[in-house]
Amino acid sequence: MPTTKFTTTIKALDDIGNLKPGAAIKDIESWEKFLEAHEVEGAKKLVTDLNSLKKLLAAEELDGGKIKTLMAKLGKETTALAGHAKSGEGEHIKKLGEKLSSAL
């Protein structure tokens, strides 16, 4: 995956207070497609949890507590994937995982 995808998502998480749910859902869907196309240990769990996050963000009323908890879980899962990454991507994946864990 191009590093721009990581950079774009990390930048969005840096400004999460201004991130609209619709924009976040589009980004999540992009990550789901990417992960579904790769057989990496832990990717299926990430897709399941990303789908759960997407549902929380699409709800009429956002539940900040559930979103925060799920994002922290996604952060841990993403960071764990960094060790299985192709060379050069591991550091980007780790940084994204750390950002997810601390975004809210």
PDB file of N, CA and C in Angstrom:
ATOM      1  N   MET A   1       0.853  -1.175   0.000  1.00  0.00           N
ATOM      2  CA  MET A   1       0.000   0.000   0.000  1.00  0.00           C
ATOM      3  C   MET A   1       0.892   1.229   0.000  1.00  0.00           C
ATOM      4  N   PRO A   2       0.548   2.190  -0.804  1.00  0.00           N
ATOM      5  CA  PRO A   2       1.357   3.418  -0.828  1.00  0.00           C
ATOM      6  C   PRO A   2       1.350   4.125   0.521  1.00  0.00           C
ATOM      7  N   THR A   3       2.471   4.714   0.844  1.00  0.00           N
ATOM      8  CA  THR A   3       2.572   5.406   2.130  1.00  0.00           C
ATOM      9  C   THR A   3       1.606   6.573   2.222  1.00  0.00           C
ATOM     10  N   THR A   4       1.142   7.102   1.093  1.00  0.00           N
ATOM     11  CA  THR A   4       0.191   8.216   1.145  1.00  0.00           C
ATOM     12  C   THR A   4      -1.104   7.806   1.831  1.00  0.00           C
ATOM     13  N   LYS A   5      -1.516   6.564   1.700  1.00  0.00           N
ATOM     14  CA  LYS A   5      -2.736   6.083   2.365  1.00  0.00           C
ATOM     15  C   LYS A   5      -2.559   6.143   3.882  1.00  0.00           C
ATOM     16  N   PHE A   6      -1.409   5.721   4.350  1.00  0.00           N
ATOM     17  CA  PHE A   6      -1.132   5.791   5.785  1.00  0.00           C
ATOM     18  C   PHE A   6      -1.099   7.255   6.236  1.00  0.00           C
ATOM     19  N   THR A   7      -0.387   8.073   5.481  1.00  0.00           N
ATOM     20  CA  THR A   7      -0.231   9.482   5.829  1.00  0.00           C
ATOM     21  C   THR A   7      -1.577  10.184   5.873  1.00  0.00           C
ATOM     22  N   THR A   8      -2.428   9.915   4.897  1.00  0.00           N
ATOM     23  CA  THR A   8      -3.753  10.543   4.846  1.00  0.00           C
ATOM     24  C   THR A   8      -4.597  10.156   6.052  1.00  0.00           C
ATOM     25  N   THR A   9      -4.575   8.879   6.403  1.00  0.00           N
ATOM     26  CA  THR A   9      -5.369   8.416   7.551  1.00  0.00           C
ATOM     27  C   THR A   9      -4.811   8.977   8.854  1.00  0.00           C
ATOM     28  N   ILE A  10      -3.514   8.993   9.000  1.00  0.00           N
ATOM     29  CA  ILE A  10      -2.899   9.534  10.217  1.00  0.00           C
ATOM     30  C   ILE A  10      -3.214  11.020  10.351  1.00  0.00           C
ATOM     31  N   LYS A  11      -3.151  11.746   9.250  1.00  0.00           N
ATOM     32  CA  LYS A  11      -3.474  13.178   9.273  1.00  0.00           C
ATOM     33  C   LYS A  11      -4.933  13.397   9.683  1.00  0.00           C
ATOM     34  N   ALA A  12      -5.822  12.567   9.165  1.00  0.00           N
ATOM     35  CA  ALA A  12      -7.239  12.668   9.541  1.00  0.00           C
ATOM     36  C   ALA A  12      -7.418  12.401  11.033  1.00  0.00           C
ATOM     37  N   LEU A  13      -6.689  11.430  11.564  1.00  0.00           N
ATOM     38  CA  LEU A  13      -6.781  11.131  12.993  1.00  0.00           C
ATOM     39  C   LEU A  13      -6.199  12.260  13.846  1.00  0.00           C
ATOM     40  N   ASP A  14      -5.198  12.962  13.308  1.00  0.00           N
ATOM     41  CA  ASP A  14      -4.639  14.109  14.021  1.00  0.00           C
ATOM     42  C   ASP A  14      -5.683  15.211  14.203  1.00  0.00           C
ATOM     43  N   ASP A  15      -6.618  15.279  13.273  1.00  0.00           N
ATOM     44  CA  ASP A  15      -7.658  16.318  13.298  1.00  0.00           C
ATOM     45  C   ASP A  15      -9.034  15.675  13.478  1.00  0.00           C
ATOM     46  N   ILE A  16      -9.094  14.648  14.317  1.00  0.00           N
ATOM     47  CA  ILE A  16     -10.304  13.841  14.454  1.00  0.00           C
ATOM     48  C   ILE A  16     -11.526  14.648  14.908  1.00  0.00           C
ATOM     49  N   GLY A  17     -11.297  15.718  15.632  1.00  0.00           N
ATOM     50  CA  GLY A  17     -12.417  16.546  16.077  1.00  0.00           C
ATOM     51  C   GLY A  17     -13.178  17.182  14.936  1.00  0.00           C
ATOM     52  N   ASN A  18     -12.533  17.355  13.801  1.00  0.00           N
ATOM     53  CA  ASN A  18     -13.173  17.945  12.632  1.00  0.00           C
ATOM     54  C   ASN A  18     -13.528  16.918  11.567  1.00  0.00           C
ATOM     55  N   LEU A  19     -13.261  15.643  11.836  1.00  0.00           N
ATOM     56  CA  LEU A  19     -13.524  14.584  10.864  1.00  0.00           C
ATOM     57  C   LEU A  19     -15.012  14.238  10.873  1.00  0.00           C
ATOM     58  N   LYS A  20     -15.625  14.343   9.732  1.00  0.00           N
ATOM     59  CA  LYS A  20     -17.050  14.021   9.589  1.00  0.00           C
ATOM     60  C   LYS A  20     -17.219  12.505   9.509  1.00  0.00           C
ATOM     61  N   PRO A  21     -18.293  11.977  10.119  1.00  0.00           N
ATOM     62  CA  PRO A  21     -18.512  10.527  10.075  1.00  0.00           C
ATOM     63  C   PRO A  21     -18.519   9.962   8.658  1.00  0.00           C
ATOM     64  N   GLY A  22     -19.111  10.670   7.703  1.00  0.00           N
ATOM     65  CA  GLY A  22     -19.149  10.182   6.323  1.00  0.00           C
ATOM     66  C   GLY A  22     -17.763  10.019   5.728  1.00  0.00           C
ATOM     67  N   ALA A  23     -16.879  10.965   6.003  1.00  0.00           N
ATOM     68  CA  ALA A  23     -15.506  10.887   5.505  1.00  0.00           C
ATOM     69  C   ALA A  23     -14.763   9.729   6.174  1.00  0.00           C
ATOM     70  N   ALA A  24     -14.997   9.554   7.462  1.00  0.00           N
ATOM     71  CA  ALA A  24     -14.359   8.451   8.189  1.00  0.00           C
ATOM     72  C   ALA A  24     -14.836   7.110   7.638  1.00  0.00           C
ATOM     73  N   ILE A  25     -16.120   7.003   7.332  1.00  0.00           N
ATOM     74  CA  ILE A  25     -16.673   5.755   6.798  1.00  0.00           C
ATOM     75  C   ILE A  25     -16.046   5.429   5.445  1.00  0.00           C
ATOM     76  N   LYS A  26     -15.852   6.427   4.596  1.00  0.00           N
ATOM     77  CA  LYS A  26     -15.212   6.188   3.297  1.00  0.00           C
ATOM     78  C   LYS A  26     -13.785   5.674   3.485  1.00  0.00           C
ATOM     79  N   ASP A  27     -13.063   6.263   4.433  1.00  0.00           N
ATOM     80  CA  ASP A  27     -11.702   5.814   4.706  1.00  0.00           C
ATOM     81  C   ASP A  27     -11.708   4.385   5.248  1.00  0.00           C
ATOM     82  N   ILE A  28     -12.637   4.093   6.129  1.00  0.00           N
ATOM     83  CA  ILE A  28     -12.759   2.744   6.693  1.00  0.00           C
ATOM     84  C   ILE A  28     -13.028   1.735   5.585  1.00  0.00           C
ATOM     85  N   GLU A  29     -13.932   2.069   4.670  1.00  0.00           N
ATOM     86  CA  GLU A  29     -14.259   1.157   3.575  1.00  0.00           C
ATOM     87  C   GLU A  29     -13.035   0.890   2.693  1.00  0.00           C
ATOM     88  N   SER A  30     -12.226   1.909   2.496  1.00  0.00           N
ATOM     89  CA  SER A  30     -10.995   1.741   1.722  1.00  0.00           C
ATOM     90  C   SER A  30     -10.047   0.770   2.418  1.00  0.00           C
ATOM     91  N   TRP A  31      -9.908   0.915   3.735  1.00  0.00           N
ATOM     92  CA  TRP A  31      -9.052   0.005   4.500  1.00  0.00           C
ATOM     93  C   TRP A  31      -9.616  -1.410   4.503  1.00  0.00           C
ATOM     94  N   GLU A  32     -10.945  -1.545   4.592  1.00  0.00           N
ATOM     95  CA  GLU A  32     -11.556  -2.882   4.559  1.00  0.00           C
ATOM     96  C   GLU A  32     -11.218  -3.597   3.249  1.00  0.00           C
ATOM     97  N   LYS A  33     -11.356  -2.884   2.132  1.00  0.00           N
ATOM     98  CA  LYS A  33     -11.043  -3.473   0.826  1.00  0.00           C
ATOM     99  C   LYS A  33      -9.578  -3.884   0.754  1.00  0.00           C
ATOM    100  N   PHE A  34      -8.712  -3.028   1.251  1.00  0.00           N
ATOM    101  CA  PHE A  34      -7.288  -3.347   1.237  1.00  0.00           C
ATOM    102  C   PHE A  34      -7.006  -4.597   2.064  1.00  0.00           C
ATOM    103  N   LEU A  35      -7.534  -4.651   3.269  1.00  0.00           N
ATOM    104  CA  LEU A  35      -7.271  -5.784   4.159  1.00  0.00           C
ATOM    105  C   LEU A  35      -7.888  -7.078   3.645  1.00  0.00           C
ATOM    106  N   GLU A  36      -9.059  -6.987   3.031  1.00  0.00           N
ATOM    107  CA  GLU A  36      -9.706  -8.183   2.488  1.00  0.00           C
ATOM    108  C   GLU A  36      -8.891  -8.786   1.346  1.00  0.00           C
ATOM    109  N   ALA A  37      -8.122  -7.964   0.668  1.00  0.00           N
ATOM    110  CA  ALA A  37      -7.320  -8.430  -0.459  1.00  0.00           C
ATOM    111  C   ALA A  37      -5.983  -9.025  -0.021  1.00  0.00           C
ATOM    112  N   HIS A  38      -5.661  -8.941   1.261  1.00  0.00           N
ATOM    113  CA  HIS A  38      -4.374  -9.423   1.758  1.00  0.00           C
ATOM    114  C   HIS A  38      -4.585 -10.456   2.854  1.00  0.00           C
ATOM    115  N   GLU A  39      -3.886 -11.545   2.715  1.00  0.00           N
ATOM    116  CA  GLU A  39      -3.987 -12.603   3.716  1.00  0.00           C
ATOM    117  C   GLU A  39      -2.873 -12.436   4.737  1.00  0.00           C
ATOM    118  N   VAL A  40      -3.096 -11.532   5.641  1.00  0.00           N
ATOM    119  CA  VAL A  40      -2.147 -11.253   6.699  1.00  0.00           C
ATOM    120  C   VAL A  40      -2.793 -11.681   8.011  1.00  0.00           C
ATOM    121  N   GLU A  41      -2.015 -12.325   8.861  1.00  0.00           N
ATOM    122  CA  GLU A  41      -2.542 -12.760  10.153  1.00  0.00           C
ATOM    123  C   GLU A  41      -3.127 -11.563  10.905  1.00  0.00           C
ATOM    124  N   GLY A  42      -4.365 -11.677  11.317  1.00  0.00           N
ATOM    125  CA  GLY A  42      -5.021 -10.616  12.059  1.00  0.00           C
ATOM    126  C   GLY A  42      -5.847  -9.678  11.194  1.00  0.00           C
ATOM    127  N   ALA A  43      -5.736  -9.780   9.876  1.00  0.00           N
ATOM    128  CA  ALA A  43      -6.452  -8.865   8.988  1.00  0.00           C
ATOM    129  C   ALA A  43      -7.961  -9.075   9.060  1.00  0.00           C
ATOM    130  N   LYS A  44      -8.403 -10.319   9.158  1.00  0.00           N
ATOM    131  CA  LYS A  44      -9.849 -10.584   9.207  1.00  0.00           C
ATOM    132  C   LYS A  44     -10.477  -9.962  10.454  1.00  0.00           C
ATOM    133  N   LYS A  45      -9.778 -10.039  11.569  1.00  0.00           N
ATOM    134  CA  LYS A  45     -10.282  -9.440  12.810  1.00  0.00           C
ATOM    135  C   LYS A  45     -10.370  -7.926  12.657  1.00  0.00           C
ATOM    136  N   LEU A  46      -9.371  -7.346  12.019  1.00  0.00           N
ATOM    137  CA  LEU A  46      -9.397  -5.902  11.778  1.00  0.00           C
ATOM    138  C   LEU A  46     -10.584  -5.511  10.915  1.00  0.00           C
ATOM    139  N   VAL A  47     -10.866  -6.283   9.878  1.00  0.00           N
ATOM    140  CA  VAL A  47     -11.996  -5.981   9.002  1.00  0.00           C
ATOM    141  C   VAL A  47     -13.306  -6.044   9.792  1.00  0.00           C
ATOM    142  N   THR A  48     -13.440  -7.050  10.634  1.00  0.00           N
ATOM    143  CA  THR A  48     -14.644  -7.180  11.466  1.00  0.00           C
ATOM    144  C   THR A  48     -14.800  -5.969  12.380  1.00  0.00           C
ATOM    145  N   ASP A  49     -13.699  -5.556  13.013  1.00  0.00           N
ATOM    146  CA  ASP A  49     -13.766  -4.416  13.924  1.00  0.00           C
ATOM    147  C   ASP A  49     -13.955  -3.095  13.175  1.00  0.00           C
ATOM    148  N   LEU A  50     -13.374  -2.976  11.987  1.00  0.00           N
ATOM    149  CA  LEU A  50     -13.604  -1.776  11.171  1.00  0.00           C
ATOM    150  C   LEU A  50     -15.072  -1.680  10.771  1.00  0.00           C
ATOM    151  N   ASN A  51     -15.676  -2.820  10.457  1.00  0.00           N
ATOM    152  CA  ASN A  51     -17.097  -2.827  10.129  1.00  0.00           C
ATOM    153  C   ASN A  51     -17.933  -2.382  11.331  1.00  0.00           C
ATOM    154  N   SER A  52     -17.550  -2.819  12.504  1.00  0.00           N
ATOM    155  CA  SER A  52     -18.257  -2.392  13.725  1.00  0.00           C
ATOM    156  C   SER A  52     -18.111  -0.889  13.934  1.00  0.00           C
ATOM    157  N   LEU A  53     -16.916  -0.358  13.696  1.00  0.00           N
ATOM    158  CA  LEU A  53     -16.696   1.077  13.830  1.00  0.00           C
ATOM    159  C   LEU A  53     -17.533   1.845  12.818  1.00  0.00           C
ATOM    160  N   LYS A  54     -17.595   1.334  11.616  1.00  0.00           N
ATOM    161  CA  LYS A  54     -18.393   1.967  10.569  1.00  0.00           C
ATOM    162  C   LYS A  54     -19.863   2.056  11.006  1.00  0.00           C
ATOM    163  N   LYS A  55     -20.380   0.992  11.597  1.00  0.00           N
ATOM    164  CA  LYS A  55     -21.765   0.983  12.075  1.00  0.00           C
ATOM    165  C   LYS A  55     -21.964   2.006  13.185  1.00  0.00           C
ATOM    166  N   LEU A  56     -20.995   2.100  14.095  1.00  0.00           N
ATOM    167  CA  LEU A  56     -21.099   3.085  15.175  1.00  0.00           C
ATOM    168  C   LEU A  56     -21.111   4.508  14.620  1.00  0.00           C
ATOM    169  N   LEU A  57     -20.309   4.754  13.585  1.00  0.00           N
ATOM    170  CA  LEU A  57     -20.232   6.091  12.996  1.00  0.00           C
ATOM    171  C   LEU A  57     -21.455   6.430  12.148  1.00  0.00           C
ATOM    172  N   ALA A  58     -22.142   5.411  11.671  1.00  0.00           N
ATOM    173  CA  ALA A  58     -23.336   5.629  10.854  1.00  0.00           C
ATOM    174  C   ALA A  58     -24.599   5.786  11.701  1.00  0.00           C
ATOM    175  N   ALA A  59     -24.494   5.538  12.992  1.00  0.00           N
ATOM    176  CA  ALA A  59     -25.654   5.626  13.880  1.00  0.00           C
ATOM    177  C   ALA A  59     -26.180   7.054  13.951  1.00  0.00           C
ATOM    178  N   GLU A  60     -27.467   7.154  14.198  1.00  0.00           N
ATOM    179  CA  GLU A  60     -28.095   8.474  14.315  1.00  0.00           C
ATOM    180  C   GLU A  60     -27.467   9.281  15.448  1.00  0.00           C
ATOM    181  N   GLU A  61     -27.187   8.602  16.551  1.00  0.00           N
ATOM    182  CA  GLU A  61     -26.539   9.253  17.689  1.00  0.00           C
ATOM    183  C   GLU A  61     -25.214   8.537  17.970  1.00  0.00           C
ATOM    184  N   LEU A  62     -24.122   9.280  17.921  1.00  0.00           N
ATOM    185  CA  LEU A  62     -22.804   8.687  18.133  1.00  0.00           C
ATOM    186  C   LEU A  62     -22.593   8.354  19.606  1.00  0.00           C
ATOM    187  N   ASP A  63     -22.014   7.183  19.869  1.00  0.00           N
ATOM    188  CA  ASP A  63     -21.682   6.747  21.222  1.00  0.00           C
ATOM    189  C   ASP A  63     -20.165   6.871  21.378  1.00  0.00           C
ATOM    190  N   GLY A  64     -19.730   8.007  21.894  1.00  0.00           N
ATOM    191  CA  GLY A  64     -18.307   8.303  22.014  1.00  0.00           C
ATOM    192  C   GLY A  64     -17.531   7.257  22.798  1.00  0.00           C
ATOM    193  N   GLY A  65     -18.116   6.725  23.845  1.00  0.00           N
ATOM    194  CA  GLY A  65     -17.447   5.715  24.661  1.00  0.00           C
ATOM    195  C   GLY A  65     -17.164   4.447  23.873  1.00  0.00           C
ATOM    196  N   LYS A  66     -18.157   3.957  23.137  1.00  0.00           N
ATOM    197  CA  LYS A  66     -17.978   2.741  22.341  1.00  0.00           C
ATOM    198  C   LYS A  66     -16.980   2.983  21.208  1.00  0.00           C
ATOM    199  N   ILE A  67     -17.064   4.159  20.592  1.00  0.00           N
ATOM    200  CA  ILE A  67     -16.144   4.487  19.499  1.00  0.00           C
ATOM    201  C   ILE A  67     -14.709   4.525  20.023  1.00  0.00           C
ATOM    202  N   LYS A  68     -14.511   5.171  21.155  1.00  0.00           N
ATOM    203  CA  LYS A  68     -13.170   5.272  21.733  1.00  0.00           C
ATOM    204  C   LYS A  68     -12.612   3.898  22.078  1.00  0.00           C
ATOM    205  N   THR A  69     -13.424   3.059  22.695  1.00  0.00           N
ATOM    206  CA  THR A  69     -12.999   1.715  23.067  1.00  0.00           C
ATOM    207  C   THR A  69     -12.623   0.897  21.837  1.00  0.00           C
ATOM    208  N   LEU A  70     -13.452   0.981  20.806  1.00  0.00           N
ATOM    209  CA  LEU A  70     -13.186   0.215  19.597  1.00  0.00           C
ATOM    210  C   LEU A  70     -11.953   0.746  18.869  1.00  0.00           C
ATOM    211  N   MET A  71     -11.756   2.041  18.857  1.00  0.00           N
ATOM    212  CA  MET A  71     -10.564   2.596  18.207  1.00  0.00           C
ATOM    213  C   MET A  71      -9.291   2.178  18.933  1.00  0.00           C
ATOM    214  N   ALA A  72      -9.344   2.123  20.250  1.00  0.00           N
ATOM    215  CA  ALA A  72      -8.180   1.659  21.010  1.00  0.00           C
ATOM    216  C   ALA A  72      -7.877   0.198  20.669  1.00  0.00           C
ATOM    217  N   LYS A  73      -8.921  -0.604  20.545  1.00  0.00           N
ATOM    218  CA  LYS A  73      -8.753  -2.015  20.175  1.00  0.00           C
ATOM    219  C   LYS A  73      -8.167  -2.120  18.766  1.00  0.00           C
ATOM    220  N   LEU A  74      -8.685  -1.318  17.842  1.00  0.00           N
ATOM    221  CA  LEU A  74      -8.159  -1.306  16.478  1.00  0.00           C
ATOM    222  C   LEU A  74      -6.690  -0.881  16.465  1.00  0.00           C
ATOM    223  N   GLY A  75      -6.348   0.057  17.323  1.00  0.00           N
ATOM    224  CA  GLY A  75      -4.961   0.498  17.422  1.00  0.00           C
ATOM    225  C   GLY A  75      -4.035  -0.630  17.822  1.00  0.00           C
ATOM    226  N   LYS A  76      -4.444  -1.403  18.829  1.00  0.00           N
ATOM    227  CA  LYS A  76      -3.632  -2.533  19.278  1.00  0.00           C
ATOM    228  C   LYS A  76      -3.508  -3.585  18.182  1.00  0.00           C
ATOM    229  N   GLU A  77      -4.628  -3.882  17.514  1.00  0.00           N
ATOM    230  CA  GLU A  77      -4.611  -4.883  16.444  1.00  0.00           C
ATOM    231  C   GLU A  77      -3.742  -4.426  15.269  1.00  0.00           C
ATOM    232  N   THR A  78      -3.825  -3.150  14.941  1.00  0.00           N
ATOM    233  CA  THR A  78      -3.035  -2.605  13.839  1.00  0.00           C
ATOM    234  C   THR A  78      -1.552  -2.642  14.173  1.00  0.00           C
ATOM    235  N   THR A  79      -1.209  -2.247  15.384  1.00  0.00           N
ATOM    236  CA  THR A  79       0.190  -2.272  15.810  1.00  0.00           C
ATOM    237  C   THR A  79       0.738  -3.703  15.760  1.00  0.00           C
ATOM    238  N   ALA A  80      -0.088  -4.668  16.141  1.00  0.00           N
ATOM    239  CA  ALA A  80       0.333  -6.070  16.097  1.00  0.00           C
ATOM    240  C   ALA A  80       0.616  -6.528  14.662  1.00  0.00           C
ATOM    241  N   LEU A  81      -0.102  -5.971  13.697  1.00  0.00           N
ATOM    242  CA  LEU A  81       0.113  -6.329  12.294  1.00  0.00           C
ATOM    243  C   LEU A  81       1.444  -5.817  11.759  1.00  0.00           C
ATOM    244  N   ALA A  82       1.991  -4.809  12.381  1.00  0.00           N
ATOM    245  CA  ALA A  82       3.235  -4.202  11.899  1.00  0.00           C
ATOM    246  C   ALA A  82       4.350  -5.231  11.782  1.00  0.00           C
ATOM    247  N   GLY A  83       4.358  -6.214  12.662  1.00  0.00           N
ATOM    248  CA  GLY A  83       5.386  -7.241  12.627  1.00  0.00           C
ATOM    249  C   GLY A  83       5.257  -8.198  11.451  1.00  0.00           C
ATOM    250  N   HIS A  84       4.089  -8.235  10.834  1.00  0.00           N
ATOM    251  CA  HIS A  84       3.849  -9.131   9.699  1.00  0.00           C
ATOM    252  C   HIS A  84       3.943  -8.391   8.367  1.00  0.00           C
ATOM    253  N   ALA A  85       4.270  -7.127   8.402  1.00  0.00           N
ATOM    254  CA  ALA A  85       4.257  -6.293   7.203  1.00  0.00           C
ATOM    255  C   ALA A  85       5.469  -6.518   6.321  1.00  0.00           C
ATOM    256  N   LYS A  86       5.284  -6.167   5.058  1.00  0.00           N
ATOM    257  CA  LYS A  86       6.401  -6.179   4.115  1.00  0.00           C
ATOM    258  C   LYS A  86       7.379  -5.108   4.550  1.00  0.00           C
ATOM    259  N   SER A  87       8.618  -5.280   4.157  1.00  0.00           N
ATOM    260  CA  SER A  87       9.624  -4.313   4.568  1.00  0.00           C
ATOM    261  C   SER A  87       9.231  -2.915   4.109  1.00  0.00           C
ATOM    262  N   GLY A  88       9.429  -1.957   4.977  1.00  0.00           N
ATOM    263  CA  GLY A  88       9.108  -0.579   4.668  1.00  0.00           C
ATOM    264  C   GLY A  88       7.730  -0.149   5.128  1.00  0.00           C
ATOM    265  N   GLU A  89       6.793  -1.085   5.218  1.00  0.00           N
ATOM    266  CA  GLU A  89       5.439  -0.731   5.638  1.00  0.00           C
ATOM    267  C   GLU A  89       5.248  -0.872   7.143  1.00  0.00           C
ATOM    268  N   GLY A  90       6.070  -1.654   7.786  1.00  0.00           N
ATOM    269  CA  GLY A  90       5.910  -1.924   9.209  1.00  0.00           C
ATOM    270  C   GLY A  90       5.874  -0.677  10.061  1.00  0.00           C
ATOM    271  N   GLU A  91       6.764   0.254   9.787  1.00  0.00           N
ATOM    272  CA  GLU A  91       6.807   1.481  10.590  1.00  0.00           C
ATOM    273  C   GLU A  91       5.554   2.325  10.384  1.00  0.00           C
ATOM    274  N   HIS A  92       5.045   2.378   9.151  1.00  0.00           N
ATOM    275  CA  HIS A  92       3.808   3.127   8.873  1.00  0.00           C
ATOM    276  C   HIS A  92       2.616   2.490   9.590  1.00  0.00           C
ATOM    277  N   ILE A  93       2.563   1.165   9.563  1.00  0.00           N
ATOM    278  CA  ILE A  93       1.472   0.446  10.220  1.00  0.00           C
ATOM    279  C   ILE A  93       1.528   0.674  11.728  1.00  0.00           C
ATOM    280  N   LYS A  94       2.721   0.606  12.284  1.00  0.00           N
ATOM    281  CA  LYS A  94       2.887   0.833  13.728  1.00  0.00           C
ATOM    282  C   LYS A  94       2.438   2.251  14.100  1.00  0.00           C
ATOM    283  N   LYS A  95       2.829   3.232  13.314  1.00  0.00           N
ATOM    284  CA  LYS A  95       2.460   4.622  13.596  1.00  0.00           C
ATOM    285  C   LYS A  95       0.941   4.796  13.498  1.00  0.00           C
ATOM    286  N   LEU A  96       0.321   4.165  12.511  1.00  0.00           N
ATOM    287  CA  LEU A  96      -1.130   4.236  12.385  1.00  0.00           C
ATOM    288  C   LEU A  96      -1.802   3.589  13.595  1.00  0.00           C
ATOM    289  N   GLY A  97      -1.302   2.438  14.030  1.00  0.00           N
ATOM    290  CA  GLY A  97      -1.854   1.774  15.204  1.00  0.00           C
ATOM    291  C   GLY A  97      -1.762   2.642  16.448  1.00  0.00           C
ATOM    292  N   GLU A  98      -0.616   3.287  16.626  1.00  0.00           N
ATOM    293  CA  GLU A  98      -0.436   4.170  17.778  1.00  0.00           C
ATOM    294  C   GLU A  98      -1.399   5.357  17.715  1.00  0.00           C
ATOM    295  N   LYS A  99      -1.597   5.880  16.526  1.00  0.00           N
ATOM    296  CA  LYS A  99      -2.498   7.027  16.348  1.00  0.00           C
ATOM    297  C   LYS A  99      -3.946   6.614  16.638  1.00  0.00           C
ATOM    298  N   LEU A 100      -4.333   5.442  16.178  1.00  0.00           N
ATOM    299  CA  LEU A 100      -5.687   4.943  16.462  1.00  0.00           C
ATOM    300  C   LEU A 100      -5.913   4.785  17.972  1.00  0.00           C
ATOM    301  N   SER A 101      -4.891   4.269  18.642  1.00  0.00           N
ATOM    302  CA  SER A 101      -5.007   4.038  20.086  1.00  0.00           C
ATOM    303  C   SER A 101      -5.179   5.324  20.886  1.00  0.00           C
ATOM    304  N   SER A 102      -4.623   6.406  20.374  1.00  0.00           N
ATOM    305  CA  SER A 102      -4.641   7.656  21.159  1.00  0.00           C
ATOM    306  C   SER A 102      -5.497   8.754  20.529  1.00  0.00           C
ATOM    307  N   ALA A 103      -6.278   8.435  19.510  1.00  0.00           N
ATOM    308  CA  ALA A 103      -6.999   9.464  18.759  1.00  0.00           C
ATOM    309  C   ALA A 103      -8.099  10.163  19.554  1.00  0.00           C
ATOM    310  N   LEU A 104      -8.727   9.480  20.467  1.00  0.00           N
ATOM    311  CA  LEU A 104      -9.851  10.103  21.206  1.00  0.00           C
ATOM    312  C   LEU A 104      -9.520  10.239  22.670  1.00  0.00           C
TER     313      LEU A 104
END
